[in-house]
Amino acid sequence: MENNKALIAVVNNLQIEDHSGEKSDAEQFEVLVSFIDDLIRNDFNRLLSILYRVDISEQKLKQKLAENKETTVRSAEIIAQLLIDREEEKIISRAKYRQEK
């Protein structure tokens, strides 16, 4: 995964685990997917709160889920990727803002 910084940021921001540097990107992604999968099954309101806080639009989420409806990609994987993509956008935006100063 080339968006390692974004993945680590998401894992850390959600306080999923403290040992993010000890796992590979694929392992960290699976930890994130498992966390989201658990929220889908057990605490959907918390998941919605996280998505709102991270600023993932409901429309974008519905679109991605609909696009992958016929695939074997789990909903938790789609949501995890959306979280990582959004964090990557924030990292790029912050870097650009710093350069403009």
C-alpha atoms as a PDB file:
ATOM      1  CA  MET A   1       0.000   0.000   0.000  1.00  0.00           C
ATOM      2  CA  GLU A   2       1.420   3.324  -0.981  1.00  0.00           C
ATOM      3  CA  ASN A   3      -0.805   5.276   1.396  1.00  0.00           C
ATOM      4  CA  ASN A   4       1.022   3.997   4.476  1.00  0.00           C
ATOM      5  CA  LYS A   5       0.932   7.354   6.296  1.00  0.00           C
ATOM      6  CA  ALA A   6      -2.810   7.631   5.796  1.00  0.00           C
ATOM      7  CA  LEU A   7      -3.390   4.069   6.977  1.00  0.00           C
ATOM      8  CA  ILE A   8      -1.300   4.609  10.104  1.00  0.00           C
ATOM      9  CA  ALA A   9      -3.104   7.894  10.774  1.00  0.00           C
ATOM     10  CA  VAL A  10      -6.524   6.235  10.507  1.00  0.00           C
ATOM     11  CA  VAL A  11      -5.504   3.360  12.797  1.00  0.00           C
ATOM     12  CA  ASN A  12      -4.056   5.806  15.322  1.00  0.00           C
ATOM     13  CA  ASN A  13      -6.943   8.294  15.124  1.00  0.00           C
ATOM     14  CA  LEU A  14      -9.466   5.550  15.777  1.00  0.00           C
ATOM     15  CA  GLN A  15      -7.230   4.252  18.578  1.00  0.00           C
ATOM     16  CA  ILE A  16      -7.555   0.729  17.266  1.00  0.00           C
ATOM     17  CA  GLU A  17      -4.148  -0.380  18.517  1.00  0.00           C
ATOM     18  CA  ASP A  18      -0.872   1.072  19.744  1.00  0.00           C
ATOM     19  CA  HIS A  19       1.556  -1.112  17.791  1.00  0.00           C
ATOM     20  CA  SER A  20       0.929   0.121  14.248  1.00  0.00           C
ATOM     21  CA  GLY A  21       4.651   0.292  13.465  1.00  0.00           C
ATOM     22  CA  GLU A  22       5.110  -3.410  14.176  1.00  0.00           C
ATOM     23  CA  LYS A  23       2.665  -4.658  11.527  1.00  0.00           C
ATOM     24  CA  SER A  24       2.787  -4.631   7.772  1.00  0.00           C
ATOM     25  CA  ASP A  25       0.427  -2.415   5.819  1.00  0.00           C
ATOM     26  CA  ALA A  26      -1.702  -5.425   4.894  1.00  0.00           C
ATOM     27  CA  GLU A  27      -1.952  -6.475   8.545  1.00  0.00           C
ATOM     28  CA  GLN A  28      -2.865  -2.949   9.614  1.00  0.00           C
ATOM     29  CA  PHE A  29      -5.499  -2.785   6.886  1.00  0.00           C
ATOM     30  CA  GLU A  30      -6.994  -6.063   8.143  1.00  0.00           C
ATOM     31  CA  VAL A  31      -7.057  -4.701  11.696  1.00  0.00           C
ATOM     32  CA  LEU A  32      -8.948  -1.662  10.412  1.00  0.00           C
ATOM     33  CA  VAL A  33     -11.351  -3.840   8.387  1.00  0.00           C
ATOM     34  CA  SER A  34     -12.008  -6.065  11.419  1.00  0.00           C
ATOM     35  CA  PHE A  35     -12.663  -3.009  13.575  1.00  0.00           C
ATOM     36  CA  ILE A  36     -15.140  -1.610  11.049  1.00  0.00           C
ATOM     37  CA  ASP A  37     -16.773  -5.005  10.561  1.00  0.00           C
ATOM     38  CA  ASP A  38     -17.303  -5.203  14.326  1.00  0.00           C
ATOM     39  CA  LEU A  39     -18.847  -1.726  14.319  1.00  0.00           C
ATOM     40  CA  ILE A  40     -21.186  -2.693  11.475  1.00  0.00           C
ATOM     41  CA  ARG A  41     -22.443  -5.661  13.497  1.00  0.00           C
ATOM     42  CA  ASN A  42     -22.363  -4.276  17.043  1.00  0.00           C
ATOM     43  CA  ASP A  43     -22.242  -0.462  17.127  1.00  0.00           C
ATOM     44  CA  PHE A  44     -23.527   0.982  13.871  1.00  0.00           C
ATOM     45  CA  ASN A  45     -24.216   4.385  15.452  1.00  0.00           C
ATOM     46  CA  ARG A  46     -20.550   4.702  16.423  1.00  0.00           C
ATOM     47  CA  LEU A  47     -19.554   3.848  12.843  1.00  0.00           C
ATOM     48  CA  LEU A  48     -21.874   6.548  11.537  1.00  0.00           C
ATOM     49  CA  SER A  49     -20.385   8.995  14.023  1.00  0.00           C
ATOM     50  CA  ILE A  50     -16.847   8.153  12.845  1.00  0.00           C
ATOM     51  CA  LEU A  51     -17.814   8.571   9.198  1.00  0.00           C
ATOM     52  CA  TYR A  52     -19.421  11.927   9.979  1.00  0.00           C
ATOM     53  CA  ARG A  53     -16.419  13.095  12.004  1.00  0.00           C
ATOM     54  CA  VAL A  54     -13.963  12.075   9.288  1.00  0.00           C
ATOM     55  CA  ASP A  55     -16.204  13.797   6.721  1.00  0.00           C
ATOM     56  CA  ILE A  56     -17.142  10.930   4.452  1.00  0.00           C
ATOM     57  CA  SER A  57     -20.326  11.846   2.667  1.00  0.00           C
ATOM     58  CA  GLU A  58     -23.293   9.537   2.812  1.00  0.00           C
ATOM     59  CA  GLN A  59     -23.661   9.883  -0.948  1.00  0.00           C
ATOM     60  CA  LYS A  60     -20.071   8.785  -1.599  1.00  0.00           C
ATOM     61  CA  LEU A  61     -20.463   5.824   0.754  1.00  0.00           C
ATOM     62  CA  LYS A  62     -23.691   4.697  -0.896  1.00  0.00           C
ATOM     63  CA  GLN A  63     -22.122   5.062  -4.342  1.00  0.00           C
ATOM     64  CA  LYS A  64     -19.067   2.950  -3.428  1.00  0.00           C
ATOM     65  CA  LEU A  65     -21.215   0.280  -1.803  1.00  0.00           C
ATOM     66  CA  ALA A  66     -23.503   0.168  -4.846  1.00  0.00           C
ATOM     67  CA  GLU A  67     -20.538  -0.054  -7.236  1.00  0.00           C
ATOM     68  CA  ASN A  68     -19.225  -3.083  -5.356  1.00  0.00           C
ATOM     69  CA  LYS A  69     -22.570  -4.754  -4.725  1.00  0.00           C
ATOM     70  CA  GLU A  70     -21.854  -7.594  -7.136  1.00  0.00           C
ATOM     71  CA  THR A  71     -18.261  -8.172  -6.003  1.00  0.00           C
ATOM     72  CA  THR A  72     -16.776 -10.140  -3.134  1.00  0.00           C
ATOM     73  CA  VAL A  73     -15.405  -6.977  -1.502  1.00  0.00           C
ATOM     74  CA  ARG A  74     -16.797  -6.666   2.001  1.00  0.00           C
ATOM     75  CA  SER A  75     -18.520  -3.460   3.072  1.00  0.00           C
ATOM     76  CA  ALA A  76     -15.946  -3.059   5.843  1.00  0.00           C
ATOM     77  CA  GLU A  77     -13.140  -3.063   3.257  1.00  0.00           C
ATOM     78  CA  ILE A  78     -14.887  -0.371   1.228  1.00  0.00           C
ATOM     79  CA  ILE A  79     -15.413   1.786   4.313  1.00  0.00           C
ATOM     80  CA  ALA A  80     -11.802   1.252   5.421  1.00  0.00           C
ATOM     81  CA  GLN A  81     -10.541   2.356   2.013  1.00  0.00           C
ATOM     82  CA  LEU A  82     -12.793   5.437   2.121  1.00  0.00           C
ATOM     83  CA  LEU A  83     -11.331   6.348   5.537  1.00  0.00           C
ATOM     84  CA  ILE A  84      -7.789   5.917   4.231  1.00  0.00           C
ATOM     85  CA  ASP A  85      -8.525   7.916   1.068  1.00  0.00           C
ATOM     86  CA  ARG A  86     -10.027  10.751   3.106  1.00  0.00           C
ATOM     87  CA  GLU A  87      -7.030  10.807   5.440  1.00  0.00           C
ATOM     88  CA  GLU A  88      -4.728  10.881   2.419  1.00  0.00           C
ATOM     89  CA  GLU A  89      -6.641  13.912   1.094  1.00  0.00           C
ATOM     90  CA  LYS A  90      -6.130  15.643   4.446  1.00  0.00           C
ATOM     91  CA  ILE A  91      -2.394  14.896   4.422  1.00  0.00           C
ATOM     92  CA  ILE A  92      -2.047  16.321   0.908  1.00  0.00           C
ATOM     93  CA  SER A  93      -4.101  19.370   1.829  1.00  0.00           C
ATOM     94  CA  ARG A  94      -2.021  20.057   4.947  1.00  0.00           C
ATOM     95  CA  ALA A  95       1.221  19.737   2.985  1.00  0.00           C
ATOM     96  CA  LYS A  96      -0.065  22.090   0.312  1.00  0.00           C
ATOM     97  CA  TYR A  97      -1.212  24.600   2.926  1.00  0.00           C
ATOM     98  CA  ARG A  98       2.192  24.511   4.625  1.00  0.00           C
ATOM     99  CA  GLN A  99       3.948  25.151   1.303  1.00  0.00           C
ATOM    100  CA  GLU A 100       1.756  28.186   0.601  1.00  0.00           C
ATOM    101  CA  LYS A 101       2.697  29.855   3.883  1.00  0.00           C
END
